[in-house]
Amino acid sequence: MNAQAQLDPAQLLAADPDWWRGAVIYQIYPRSYQDSNGDGIGDLRGITERLPHIASLGVDAIWISPFFTSPMKDFGYDVSDYCDVDPMFGSLSDFDQLVAAAHRLGLRVMIDLVLSHTSDQHAWFGESRQSRDNARADWYVWADPQPDGTPPNNWLSIFGGSAWQWDPRREQYYLHNFLVSQPDLNFHCPAVQDALLDVTRFWLERGVDGFRLDTINFYYHDAELRSNPALPPEQRNATIAPSVNPYNHQEHLYSKNQSENLAFLGRFRALLDEYPAKAAVGEVGDAQRGLEIMGSYTAANTGVHMCYAFELLAKDVLTASRLAEVFAEVDRVAANGWACWAFSNHDVIRHSSRWGLNPAAQRLFNTMMMCLRGTTCIYQGEELGLPEADIAFEDLQDPYGIEFWPEFKGRDGCRTPMVWEPSNGAGGFSEGKPWLPVSPEHLNLSVASQEADPDAMLHHYRRAIALRKAHPALAVGTHDQLRAEGNVAFFTRQDRDEVIFCAFNLGDIPAEITLPQGTWQKPDTDIALADLPPNGGRVALAPWQACLAVRG
């Protein structure tokens, strides 16, 4: 028996420090994945029960959205205890068992750290708000009112209204970039940084393989509390917040994106580097500078390993020309960084509905995702081709949607329970009443239904992930300029001697593309790819079809 075979699964996973480059990460929204106790809310034991499904996809890691102790005003993104599990999700023992089971299946575990803010129920905030001179008085962002009693500046909350809330105990305002019940931590205070790094170490010691860092560019605020300038209407977009939200009317020069953040990320990275093969991906929420920030946060080895911006999560359909624009900007501002791409997540309308994709288009976009340079994220249910669920106002849970209804219906439509079986109305998610209703149109797309159909979306996702894993050029290779001709996006990936030409018809009419000179052959895959001409030349692409060619 060789030495590697004698290592336990966790040791094997730790043997590859660069596993995150080109990895495929599967995002789990724990409230909606699997309920193990019949209360209608998903939990950690439910996730453990369903890990074999995730492993069968061929992904490298799971990212679990927050499960920490929380009053659940923002469903876990308002943390009241960073170092414990909320009872609705289970216990620390359940989490340890989840990690062990994932590692046995060859899956790494990443968890969601919400460091920019806490719940107003956190003990830190309870102490901070008591007075202006207690031990944690400056752990949050407090400021005096203007002479007329109004807030210190014009900063706005993403969830609506002013980003400042008056607190009568201190007779000061506190900053909240999100809900009023989510006060922002003060990263200008060294003790806050130390406490958050202690939280990070706590989970590293429990065996996690990495972190997804929520709102990574919101950590620091301008120390002088300068007001944001207005953003000209022609520069506004709905990438980060819906168009009905006045948050889009400001250029957020001072409320986020501060240069001091790089120093903290350096401290965070140094901590991760103390442990073998750990990685972090940051969420960059900025409608104008997202890719530039991604580049600065992931360049060299001084920040996080990877970041994702919102360009591929946007409302407007992803055309070939738009994709070329995005990658040209990546080449310009983030050439030395590392992107993590996603089409769907827990905050946006599922891309099958957002872009109006038919099944052929969904397959094509997934194949393309697995060929792009960077790391990729799949959101639970995406592998089933789930459309956005239509949630009635009386069933709505998301405070964001309640605030801006009906022009913006919130995020509940992408957060409905995972469907495992076509039966019982709850789709095998729970024996009780689910916290959000299961969409009837999802039931026929359940895992059990698709397992029995070799042509189902689920099997396509497995084939596309397997294709990426079989070809290092697709996972970690270089990426020449991504170009567009009509509806066709095309580029070449290369790793050592392996060269793969990739072209994708992102349209519903036939197209053609010229194959580069050389001898080419199709990769070994069951994905329906365009036929290659015997002597090079033009390749005919059916609507929503890919051409993949490996140089011979």
Protein backbone atom coordinates (compact mmCIF):
# COMPACT_ATOMS: atom_id res chain seq x y z
CA MET A 1 0.00 0.00 0.00
CA ASN A 2 1.42 3.40 -0.95
CA ALA A 3 1.77 6.25 1.53
CA GLN A 4 -1.09 8.28 0.08
CA ALA A 5 -3.52 5.38 0.33
CA GLN A 6 -2.81 5.19 4.08
CA LEU A 7 -3.97 8.78 4.62
CA ASP A 8 -7.50 9.37 5.91
CA PRO A 9 -9.86 11.39 3.68
CA ALA A 10 -9.22 14.66 5.54
CA GLN A 11 -5.47 14.24 5.07
CA LEU A 12 -5.96 13.54 1.38
CA LEU A 13 -8.00 16.70 1.01
CA ALA A 14 -5.30 18.69 2.80
CA ALA A 15 -2.67 17.40 0.41
CA ASP A 16 -3.67 19.81 -2.38
CA PRO A 17 -3.26 23.46 -1.33
CA ASP A 18 -4.46 24.73 -4.71
CA TRP A 19 -7.65 22.67 -4.85
CA TRP A 20 -9.73 25.83 -5.11
CA ARG A 21 -8.32 26.83 -8.50
CA GLY A 22 -10.89 25.72 -11.03
CA ALA A 23 -12.95 23.94 -8.37
CA VAL A 24 -16.70 23.43 -8.55
CA ILE A 25 -18.48 24.54 -5.37
CA TYR A 26 -22.06 23.60 -4.52
CA GLN A 27 -23.98 26.15 -2.47
CA ILE A 28 -26.44 24.93 0.16
CA TYR A 29 -29.10 27.17 1.67
CA PRO A 30 -29.59 25.13 4.87
CA ARG A 31 -33.16 26.21 5.65
CA SER A 32 -34.26 24.69 2.36
CA TYR A 33 -32.10 21.65 1.69
CA GLN A 34 -33.44 18.81 3.87
CA ASP A 35 -35.46 18.77 7.05
CA SER A 36 -34.57 15.84 9.30
CA ASN A 37 -36.99 16.45 12.20
CA GLY A 38 -40.29 17.47 10.61
CA ASP A 39 -40.35 21.10 11.72
CA GLY A 40 -40.42 22.34 8.12
CA ILE A 41 -36.94 23.88 8.26
CA GLY A 42 -33.83 22.28 6.79
CA ASP A 43 -30.98 21.45 9.16
CA LEU A 44 -27.44 20.11 9.38
CA ARG A 45 -28.48 16.49 9.78
CA GLY A 46 -30.57 16.87 6.66
CA ILE A 47 -27.55 18.13 4.74
CA THR A 48 -25.50 15.17 5.97
CA GLU A 49 -28.24 12.82 4.78
CA ARG A 50 -28.09 14.32 1.28
CA LEU A 51 -24.31 14.54 0.88
CA PRO A 52 -24.21 11.44 -1.40
CA HIS A 53 -26.31 13.35 -3.94
CA ILE A 54 -23.85 16.23 -3.90
CA ALA A 55 -20.86 13.89 -4.17
CA SER A 56 -22.50 12.19 -7.15
CA LEU A 57 -22.34 15.48 -9.06
CA GLY A 58 -18.55 15.41 -8.94
CA VAL A 59 -18.15 18.77 -7.19
CA ASP A 60 -15.16 19.61 -5.02
CA ALA A 61 -16.74 21.44 -2.10
CA ILE A 62 -19.93 22.61 -0.48
CA TRP A 63 -20.59 26.13 0.74
CA ILE A 64 -23.20 26.26 3.50
CA SER A 65 -25.02 29.54 4.05
CA PRO A 66 -25.16 30.69 7.71
CA PHE A 67 -26.38 28.31 10.38
CA PHE A 68 -25.09 30.24 13.41
CA THR A 69 -27.23 31.31 16.37
CA SER A 70 -29.48 34.08 15.10
CA PRO A 71 -32.86 35.76 15.65
CA MET A 72 -33.35 35.08 11.90
CA LYS A 73 -34.46 38.58 10.95
CA ASP A 74 -32.33 38.05 7.81
CA PHE A 75 -32.41 34.25 8.02
CA GLY A 76 -28.98 33.70 9.55
CA TYR A 77 -27.12 36.64 8.05
CA ASP A 78 -27.80 38.39 11.37
CA VAL A 79 -25.51 36.49 13.73
CA SER A 80 -25.94 36.62 17.51
CA ASP A 81 -23.26 33.99 18.30
CA TYR A 82 -20.53 33.23 15.77
CA CYS A 83 -19.33 30.12 17.59
CA ASP A 84 -22.49 28.08 17.95
CA VAL A 85 -25.20 26.50 15.81
CA ASP A 86 -28.75 27.83 15.98
CA PRO A 87 -30.94 25.12 17.56
CA MET A 88 -33.22 25.08 14.50
CA PHE A 89 -30.25 23.75 12.50
CA GLY A 90 -28.92 21.36 15.16
CA SER A 91 -25.78 21.45 17.24
CA LEU A 92 -22.01 21.71 17.00
CA SER A 93 -21.93 17.92 17.20
CA ASP A 94 -24.19 17.75 14.16
CA PHE A 95 -21.82 20.09 12.35
CA ASP A 96 -18.80 17.96 13.26
CA GLN A 97 -20.57 14.89 11.94
CA LEU A 98 -21.41 16.75 8.72
CA VAL A 99 -17.76 17.68 8.18
CA ALA A 100 -16.59 14.14 8.85
CA ALA A 101 -19.18 12.67 6.46
CA ALA A 102 -18.31 15.19 3.74
CA HIS A 103 -14.61 14.45 4.04
CA ARG A 104 -15.26 10.72 3.75
CA LEU A 105 -17.00 11.46 0.44
CA GLY A 106 -14.13 13.62 -0.78
CA LEU A 107 -16.06 16.88 -0.31
CA ARG A 108 -14.55 19.95 1.29
CA VAL A 109 -16.71 22.12 3.53
CA MET A 110 -16.83 25.92 3.28
CA ILE A 111 -19.02 27.98 5.59
CA ASP A 112 -20.45 31.47 5.26
CA LEU A 113 -18.82 34.04 7.57
CA VAL A 114 -20.75 37.28 8.02
CA LEU A 115 -18.08 39.58 9.41
CA SER A 116 -19.26 43.03 8.38
CA HIS A 117 -22.15 43.14 10.83
CA THR A 118 -23.88 41.20 13.60
CA SER A 119 -27.40 40.93 14.91
CA ASP A 120 -28.49 43.60 17.38
CA GLN A 121 -29.01 40.61 19.70
CA HIS A 122 -25.29 39.83 19.78
CA ALA A 123 -23.74 40.28 23.23
CA TRP A 124 -21.12 42.58 21.71
CA PHE A 125 -23.75 45.03 20.57
CA GLY A 126 -25.68 44.73 23.81
CA GLU A 127 -22.61 45.95 25.66
CA SER A 128 -21.59 48.53 23.05
CA ARG A 129 -24.92 50.34 23.13
CA GLN A 130 -24.98 50.73 26.92
CA SER A 131 -22.64 53.71 27.08
CA ARG A 132 -19.96 55.64 25.27
CA ASP A 133 -17.17 54.45 27.56
CA ASN A 134 -17.63 50.70 28.06
CA ALA A 135 -15.09 48.08 26.94
CA ARG A 136 -16.84 47.58 23.58
CA ALA A 137 -18.06 51.14 23.08
CA ASP A 138 -16.22 51.47 19.76
CA TRP A 139 -16.85 47.95 18.44
CA TYR A 140 -19.68 49.27 16.26
CA VAL A 141 -19.96 52.37 14.10
CA TRP A 142 -21.45 55.08 16.30
CA ALA A 143 -21.75 58.76 15.39
CA ASP A 144 -23.29 61.91 16.79
CA PRO A 145 -26.22 63.48 14.98
CA GLN A 146 -25.88 66.60 12.92
CA PRO A 147 -26.83 69.82 14.76
CA ASP A 148 -30.41 69.47 13.55
CA GLY A 149 -30.65 65.91 14.87
CA THR A 150 -30.53 64.22 11.48
CA PRO A 151 -28.16 61.32 10.68
CA PRO A 152 -24.42 61.96 10.32
CA ASN A 153 -24.48 61.70 6.52
CA ASN A 154 -26.53 60.52 3.54
CA TRP A 155 -25.55 56.84 3.51
CA LEU A 156 -28.38 54.47 2.58
CA SER A 157 -29.22 50.92 3.58
CA ILE A 158 -29.48 48.30 0.85
CA PHE A 159 -32.72 47.18 2.51
CA GLY A 160 -34.24 50.65 2.25
CA GLY A 161 -34.05 53.99 4.02
CA SER A 162 -31.20 55.57 5.90
CA ALA A 163 -28.22 53.44 6.91
CA TRP A 164 -28.33 55.12 10.35
CA GLN A 165 -30.54 54.23 13.30
CA TRP A 166 -30.97 56.41 16.38
CA ASP A 167 -30.23 54.73 19.71
CA PRO A 168 -31.55 56.57 22.78
CA ARG A 169 -29.16 54.84 25.20
CA ARG A 170 -26.11 56.56 23.75
CA GLU A 171 -27.98 59.39 22.05
CA GLN A 172 -26.08 58.49 18.91
CA TYR A 173 -26.74 56.86 15.59
CA TYR A 174 -25.34 53.47 14.66
CA LEU A 175 -24.57 52.32 11.11
CA HIS A 176 -26.46 49.46 9.46
CA ASN A 177 -25.82 48.84 5.77
CA PHE A 178 -28.55 46.21 5.82
CA LEU A 179 -31.47 45.77 8.25
CA VAL A 180 -31.85 48.05 11.28
CA SER A 181 -31.29 44.88 13.33
CA GLN A 182 -27.88 44.34 11.66
CA PRO A 183 -25.47 46.93 13.13
CA ASP A 184 -22.13 47.25 11.36
CA LEU A 185 -18.94 46.32 13.18
CA ASN A 186 -16.18 48.93 13.36
CA PHE A 187 -13.13 47.48 11.61
CA HIS A 188 -11.13 50.58 12.52
CA CYS A 189 -11.07 49.07 16.03
CA PRO A 190 -8.19 46.52 16.31
CA ALA A 191 -10.06 44.54 18.98
CA VAL A 192 -12.89 43.88 16.50
CA GLN A 193 -10.47 42.47 13.97
CA ASP A 194 -8.88 40.27 16.63
CA ALA A 195 -12.27 38.96 17.76
CA LEU A 196 -13.32 38.09 14.20
CA LEU A 197 -10.03 36.32 13.53
CA ASP A 198 -10.64 34.32 16.71
CA VAL A 199 -14.02 33.31 15.27
CA THR A 200 -12.29 32.25 12.06
CA ARG A 201 -9.78 30.15 14.01
CA PHE A 202 -12.62 28.50 15.95
CA TRP A 203 -14.07 27.07 12.74
CA LEU A 204 -10.68 26.20 11.26
CA GLU A 205 -10.02 24.13 14.36
CA ARG A 206 -13.32 22.32 13.77
CA GLY A 207 -12.04 21.20 10.38
CA VAL A 208 -13.67 23.50 7.85
CA ASP A 209 -11.83 23.78 4.55
CA GLY A 210 -12.62 27.39 3.85
CA PHE A 211 -15.04 30.26 3.96
CA ARG A 212 -17.39 32.30 1.84
CA LEU A 213 -17.10 35.86 3.11
CA ASP A 214 -20.35 37.77 2.95
CA THR A 215 -20.24 41.43 1.81
CA ILE A 216 -16.45 41.47 1.87
CA ASN A 217 -16.18 45.04 0.57
CA PHE A 218 -18.42 46.43 3.32
CA TYR A 219 -15.99 45.78 6.19
CA TYR A 220 -14.60 49.30 6.42
CA HIS A 221 -16.33 52.67 6.30
CA ASP A 222 -14.81 56.08 5.76
CA ALA A 223 -13.47 57.22 9.14
CA GLU A 224 -14.44 60.81 8.36
CA LEU A 225 -18.05 59.77 7.58
CA ARG A 226 -18.16 61.79 4.38
CA SER A 227 -21.43 61.72 2.43
CA ASN A 228 -21.59 59.75 -0.80
CA PRO A 229 -21.92 61.75 -4.02
CA ALA A 230 -24.91 61.29 -6.29
CA LEU A 231 -24.55 58.79 -9.12
CA PRO A 232 -25.68 60.09 -12.53
CA PRO A 233 -28.81 58.27 -13.75
CA GLU A 234 -27.02 56.91 -16.82
CA GLN A 235 -24.50 55.11 -14.58
CA ARG A 236 -27.07 53.39 -12.39
CA ASN A 237 -27.82 49.69 -12.74
CA ALA A 238 -29.75 47.06 -10.82
CA THR A 239 -26.89 44.61 -10.39
CA ILE A 240 -26.70 44.93 -6.59
CA ALA A 241 -30.09 46.38 -5.66
CA PRO A 242 -33.38 46.52 -7.60
CA SER A 243 -33.98 49.64 -9.66
CA VAL A 244 -36.79 50.74 -7.33
CA ASN A 245 -34.26 51.04 -4.48
CA PRO A 246 -32.77 54.55 -4.03
CA TYR A 247 -29.53 52.85 -2.96
CA ASN A 248 -28.71 52.91 -6.68
CA HIS A 249 -28.78 56.70 -6.71
CA GLN A 250 -25.45 57.04 -4.87
CA GLU A 251 -21.83 56.42 -5.76
CA HIS A 252 -20.73 54.53 -2.65
CA LEU A 253 -17.31 56.08 -2.30
CA TYR A 254 -17.34 56.29 1.48
CA SER A 255 -19.80 53.75 2.87
CA LYS A 256 -17.79 50.77 1.54
CA ASN A 257 -14.82 49.80 -0.68
CA GLN A 258 -12.23 51.42 1.60
CA SER A 259 -8.52 50.82 0.99
CA GLU A 260 -7.88 49.82 4.62
CA ASN A 261 -9.66 46.54 3.90
CA LEU A 262 -6.60 45.14 2.16
CA ALA A 263 -4.65 45.14 5.41
CA PHE A 264 -7.35 43.18 7.21
CA LEU A 265 -7.61 40.69 4.36
CA GLY A 266 -3.86 40.23 4.68
CA ARG A 267 -4.31 39.29 8.33
CA PHE A 268 -7.16 36.95 7.40
CA ARG A 269 -5.08 35.26 4.70
CA ALA A 270 -2.12 34.84 7.07
CA LEU A 271 -4.40 33.02 9.51
CA LEU A 272 -5.71 30.68 6.82
CA ASP A 273 -2.16 29.97 5.70
CA GLU A 274 -1.41 28.54 9.15
CA TYR A 275 -3.67 25.61 8.19
CA PRO A 276 -3.15 23.30 5.21
CA ALA A 277 -5.24 23.72 2.05
CA LYS A 278 -7.74 26.31 3.26
CA ALA A 279 -9.37 28.82 0.93
CA ALA A 280 -11.77 31.75 0.99
CA VAL A 281 -14.08 33.30 -1.57
CA GLY A 282 -15.37 36.83 -1.06
CA GLU A 283 -18.65 38.34 -2.19
CA VAL A 284 -18.04 41.74 -3.78
CA GLY A 285 -21.22 43.78 -3.80
CA ASP A 286 -20.61 46.80 -6.00
CA ALA A 287 -22.46 47.80 -9.15
CA GLN A 288 -19.70 49.91 -10.68
CA ARG A 289 -16.32 48.55 -9.47
CA GLY A 290 -17.00 44.91 -8.67
CA LEU A 291 -14.43 43.38 -11.02
CA GLU A 292 -11.77 45.91 -10.09
CA ILE A 293 -12.29 45.15 -6.39
CA MET A 294 -12.19 41.42 -7.16
CA GLY A 295 -8.80 41.95 -8.78
CA SER A 296 -7.34 43.90 -5.88
CA TYR A 297 -8.64 41.50 -3.22
CA THR A 298 -7.31 38.35 -4.95
CA ALA A 299 -4.03 39.49 -6.51
CA ALA A 300 -0.80 37.83 -5.29
CA ASN A 301 -1.17 35.89 -2.03
CA THR A 302 -2.06 38.75 0.29
CA GLY A 303 -5.86 38.67 0.18
CA VAL A 304 -8.55 36.08 -0.26
CA HIS A 305 -8.03 33.32 -2.80
CA MET A 306 -11.00 34.21 -5.01
CA CYS A 307 -13.93 36.61 -5.25
CA TYR A 308 -17.14 36.83 -7.16
CA ALA A 309 -18.75 39.98 -8.44
CA PHE A 310 -22.30 40.22 -9.78
CA GLU A 311 -21.73 40.56 -13.54
CA LEU A 312 -22.95 37.03 -14.29
CA LEU A 313 -25.74 37.33 -11.71
CA ALA A 314 -27.26 40.32 -13.49
CA LYS A 315 -30.86 40.56 -14.64
CA ASP A 316 -30.09 41.19 -18.31
CA VAL A 317 -29.60 38.03 -20.35
CA LEU A 318 -25.97 37.06 -20.80
CA THR A 319 -25.23 37.54 -24.49
CA ALA A 320 -21.98 36.69 -26.26
CA SER A 321 -21.08 40.36 -26.57
CA ARG A 322 -21.80 41.02 -22.88
CA LEU A 323 -19.68 38.02 -21.87
CA ALA A 324 -16.83 39.37 -24.01
CA GLU A 325 -17.18 42.76 -22.30
CA VAL A 326 -16.99 41.17 -18.85
CA PHE A 327 -13.89 39.15 -19.63
CA ALA A 328 -12.21 42.11 -21.31
CA GLU A 329 -12.75 44.04 -18.09
CA VAL A 330 -11.39 41.11 -16.06
CA ASP A 331 -8.29 41.12 -18.27
CA ARG A 332 -7.94 44.87 -17.71
CA VAL A 333 -8.49 45.18 -13.95
CA ALA A 334 -8.10 41.65 -12.53
CA ALA A 335 -5.61 39.84 -14.77
CA ASN A 336 -3.67 38.63 -11.73
CA GLY A 337 -6.74 37.83 -9.65
CA TRP A 338 -9.03 34.82 -9.52
CA ALA A 339 -12.74 34.92 -10.20
CA CYS A 340 -15.47 32.67 -8.87
CA TRP A 341 -18.37 32.60 -11.30
CA ALA A 342 -22.03 31.84 -10.61
CA PHE A 343 -25.27 32.27 -12.53
CA SER A 344 -27.59 31.73 -9.52
CA ASN A 345 -27.45 31.99 -5.74
CA HIS A 346 -29.68 32.66 -2.74
CA ASP A 347 -29.97 36.39 -3.49
CA VAL A 348 -31.06 36.53 -7.15
CA ILE A 349 -33.82 35.14 -9.35
CA ARG A 350 -32.80 31.71 -10.63
CA HIS A 351 -31.08 32.22 -13.96
CA SER A 352 -33.34 29.82 -15.86
CA SER A 353 -36.19 32.28 -15.16
CA ARG A 354 -34.13 35.47 -15.00
CA TRP A 355 -32.89 34.94 -18.56
CA GLY A 356 -35.92 33.00 -19.84
CA LEU A 357 -33.85 29.93 -20.73
CA ASN A 358 -35.28 26.79 -22.25
CA PRO A 359 -33.68 23.45 -21.25
CA ALA A 360 -31.27 23.51 -24.22
CA ALA A 361 -30.09 26.98 -23.23
CA GLN A 362 -29.66 25.90 -19.60
CA ARG A 363 -27.48 23.01 -20.71
CA LEU A 364 -25.41 25.28 -22.94
CA PHE A 365 -24.82 27.83 -20.17
CA ASN A 366 -23.77 25.09 -17.77
CA THR A 367 -21.33 23.62 -20.30
CA MET A 368 -19.91 27.09 -20.89
CA MET A 369 -19.56 27.75 -17.16
CA MET A 370 -17.44 24.63 -16.84
CA CYS A 371 -15.13 25.93 -19.56
CA LEU A 372 -14.55 29.47 -18.21
CA ARG A 373 -11.37 30.39 -16.39
CA GLY A 374 -12.01 30.64 -12.67
CA THR A 375 -13.79 28.71 -9.97
CA THR A 376 -17.49 27.98 -10.36
CA CYS A 377 -20.46 27.87 -8.00
CA ILE A 378 -23.64 25.87 -8.48
CA TYR A 379 -26.67 26.79 -6.39
CA GLN A 380 -28.85 24.00 -5.00
CA GLY A 381 -31.57 23.01 -7.44
CA GLU A 382 -29.71 24.52 -10.37
CA GLU A 383 -28.67 21.00 -11.33
CA LEU A 384 -32.38 20.20 -11.69
CA GLY A 385 -33.11 23.21 -13.89
CA LEU A 386 -35.49 24.65 -11.29
CA PRO A 387 -37.24 27.86 -12.34
CA GLU A 388 -37.93 30.69 -9.90
CA ALA A 389 -40.87 29.86 -7.64
CA ASP A 390 -43.81 32.26 -7.55
CA ILE A 391 -44.45 33.16 -3.91
CA ALA A 392 -47.67 34.85 -2.87
CA PHE A 393 -47.33 37.94 -0.70
CA GLU A 394 -48.99 36.21 2.26
CA ASP A 395 -46.30 33.48 2.14
CA LEU A 396 -43.41 35.93 1.81
CA GLN A 397 -40.69 35.71 4.46
CA ASP A 398 -37.94 37.95 3.08
CA PRO A 399 -37.97 41.43 4.66
CA TYR A 400 -36.32 42.83 1.53
CA GLY A 401 -39.24 41.68 -0.62
CA ILE A 402 -41.84 42.83 1.88
CA GLU A 403 -40.27 46.33 1.82
CA PHE A 404 -40.27 46.73 -1.97
CA TRP A 405 -43.28 44.58 -2.99
CA PRO A 406 -44.62 44.25 -5.65
CA GLU A 407 -41.99 45.86 -7.92
CA PHE A 408 -39.37 43.67 -6.21
CA LYS A 409 -40.62 40.40 -4.79
CA GLY A 410 -37.56 39.61 -2.72
CA ARG A 411 -35.43 36.52 -2.59
CA ASP A 412 -37.86 33.85 -1.43
CA GLY A 413 -38.53 32.61 -4.96
CA CYS A 414 -35.01 31.16 -5.21
CA ARG A 415 -34.99 29.89 -1.62
CA THR A 416 -37.87 27.42 -1.71
CA PRO A 417 -37.16 23.86 -0.57
CA MET A 418 -35.12 21.42 -2.62
CA VAL A 419 -37.27 18.79 -4.33
CA TRP A 420 -36.16 15.20 -3.85
CA GLU A 421 -39.32 13.29 -4.77
CA PRO A 422 -42.38 14.08 -6.92
CA SER A 423 -44.72 13.20 -4.07
CA ASN A 424 -46.38 14.52 -0.88
CA GLY A 425 -46.44 18.19 -1.83
CA ALA A 426 -43.25 18.86 0.10
CA GLY A 427 -41.10 17.09 -2.48
CA GLY A 428 -39.41 14.86 0.08
CA PHE A 429 -37.96 17.92 1.82
CA SER A 430 -39.97 17.57 5.03
CA GLU A 431 -42.67 15.54 6.72
CA GLY A 432 -44.04 18.80 8.11
CA LYS A 433 -45.17 22.06 6.53
CA PRO A 434 -42.18 23.66 4.78
CA TRP A 435 -41.19 27.17 5.90
CA LEU A 436 -41.70 28.28 2.30
CA PRO A 437 -44.17 26.50 0.02
CA VAL A 438 -42.77 24.03 -2.49
CA SER A 439 -43.55 25.13 -6.02
CA PRO A 440 -45.89 22.60 -7.72
CA GLU A 441 -43.96 22.96 -10.98
CA HIS A 442 -40.79 21.87 -9.17
CA LEU A 443 -42.17 18.47 -8.19
CA ASN A 444 -41.82 16.95 -11.66
CA LEU A 445 -38.19 18.12 -11.69
CA SER A 446 -37.27 16.28 -8.48
CA VAL A 447 -34.04 14.38 -8.03
CA ALA A 448 -35.84 11.01 -8.08
CA SER A 449 -37.65 11.89 -11.30
CA GLN A 450 -34.47 12.97 -13.04
CA GLU A 451 -32.36 10.07 -11.83
CA ALA A 452 -34.66 7.79 -13.84
CA ASP A 453 -34.28 9.87 -17.02
CA PRO A 454 -30.84 9.65 -18.68
CA ASP A 455 -31.58 12.82 -20.69
CA ALA A 456 -32.49 14.89 -17.63
CA MET A 457 -30.74 18.13 -16.62
CA LEU A 458 -29.23 16.44 -13.57
CA HIS A 459 -27.21 14.04 -15.73
CA HIS A 460 -26.06 16.89 -17.97
CA TYR A 461 -24.62 18.70 -14.95
CA ARG A 462 -22.71 15.56 -14.01
CA ARG A 463 -21.34 15.25 -17.54
CA ALA A 464 -20.30 18.91 -17.69
CA ILE A 465 -18.54 18.75 -14.31
CA ALA A 466 -16.82 15.51 -15.34
CA LEU A 467 -15.65 17.21 -18.54
CA ARG A 468 -14.01 19.99 -16.54
CA LYS A 469 -12.35 17.48 -14.23
CA ALA A 470 -11.02 15.41 -17.13
CA HIS A 471 -9.24 18.36 -18.77
CA PRO A 472 -6.79 20.48 -16.75
CA ALA A 473 -6.92 23.10 -19.49
CA LEU A 474 -10.57 23.76 -18.60
CA ALA A 475 -10.02 23.75 -14.85
CA VAL A 476 -6.78 25.69 -14.43
CA GLY A 477 -5.44 26.53 -17.88
CA THR A 478 -4.78 29.91 -19.41
CA HIS A 479 -7.58 31.72 -21.20
CA ASP A 480 -6.94 33.82 -24.30
CA GLN A 481 -9.15 36.77 -25.17
CA LEU A 482 -12.81 35.86 -25.08
CA ARG A 483 -14.34 37.11 -28.31
CA ALA A 484 -17.83 37.34 -29.76
CA GLU A 485 -19.12 36.92 -33.31
CA GLY A 486 -22.85 37.45 -33.38
CA ASN A 487 -24.32 35.05 -30.84
CA VAL A 488 -21.14 32.98 -30.58
CA ALA A 489 -18.67 33.43 -27.72
CA PHE A 490 -15.33 31.68 -28.20
CA PHE A 491 -11.88 31.34 -26.64
CA THR A 492 -9.02 28.87 -26.19
CA ARG A 493 -7.89 27.26 -22.94
CA GLN A 494 -4.41 25.75 -22.52
CA ASP A 495 -2.54 23.86 -19.82
CA ARG A 496 0.91 22.60 -20.77
CA ASP A 497 0.41 20.63 -24.01
CA GLU A 498 -3.37 20.45 -23.75
CA VAL A 499 -5.17 23.03 -25.90
CA ILE A 500 -8.98 23.22 -26.11
CA PHE A 501 -10.94 25.51 -28.41
CA CYS A 502 -14.33 26.46 -26.94
CA ALA A 503 -17.24 28.10 -28.76
CA PHE A 504 -20.83 28.57 -27.61
CA ASN A 505 -23.88 29.63 -29.59
CA LEU A 506 -25.78 31.76 -27.08
CA GLY A 507 -28.75 32.16 -29.36
CA ASP A 508 -31.81 30.42 -30.75
CA ILE A 509 -30.76 30.49 -34.42
CA PRO A 510 -27.99 28.46 -36.11
CA ALA A 511 -24.52 29.99 -36.31
CA GLU A 512 -21.04 29.21 -37.59
CA ILE A 513 -17.55 29.69 -36.23
CA THR A 514 -14.12 29.15 -37.79
CA LEU A 515 -12.05 26.45 -36.16
CA PRO A 516 -8.43 27.59 -35.66
CA GLN A 517 -5.80 25.93 -37.82
CA GLY A 518 -4.56 22.59 -36.62
CA THR A 519 -5.73 19.06 -36.04
CA TRP A 520 -8.71 18.86 -33.67
CA GLN A 521 -10.91 16.21 -32.17
CA LYS A 522 -13.92 16.16 -29.89
CA PRO A 523 -13.33 15.48 -26.18
CA ASP A 524 -14.59 12.21 -24.78
CA THR A 525 -17.98 13.23 -23.40
CA ASP A 526 -21.67 12.39 -23.76
CA ILE A 527 -22.53 16.08 -24.12
CA ALA A 528 -24.03 16.73 -27.57
CA LEU A 529 -21.34 18.88 -29.21
CA ALA A 530 -21.12 20.28 -32.72
CA ASP A 531 -19.44 18.08 -35.31
CA LEU A 532 -15.94 19.11 -36.36
CA PRO A 533 -15.10 19.43 -40.08
CA PRO A 534 -12.48 16.88 -41.17
CA ASN A 535 -9.99 19.48 -42.42
CA GLY A 536 -10.69 22.49 -40.24
CA GLY A 537 -12.72 25.43 -41.49
CA ARG A 538 -16.23 26.42 -40.45
CA VAL A 539 -18.15 24.67 -37.67
CA ALA A 540 -21.94 24.66 -37.84
CA LEU A 541 -23.57 25.34 -34.46
CA ALA A 542 -27.20 24.54 -33.81
CA PRO A 543 -29.12 26.88 -31.50
CA TRP A 544 -27.73 26.64 -27.97
CA GLN A 545 -24.94 24.28 -29.00
CA ALA A 546 -21.28 24.16 -28.01
CA CYS A 547 -18.18 23.33 -30.01
CA LEU A 548 -15.31 21.88 -27.99
CA ALA A 549 -12.19 20.79 -29.83
CA VAL A 550 -9.01 19.30 -28.37
CA ARG A 551 -5.85 19.84 -30.39
CA GLY A 552 -4.42 16.53 -31.57
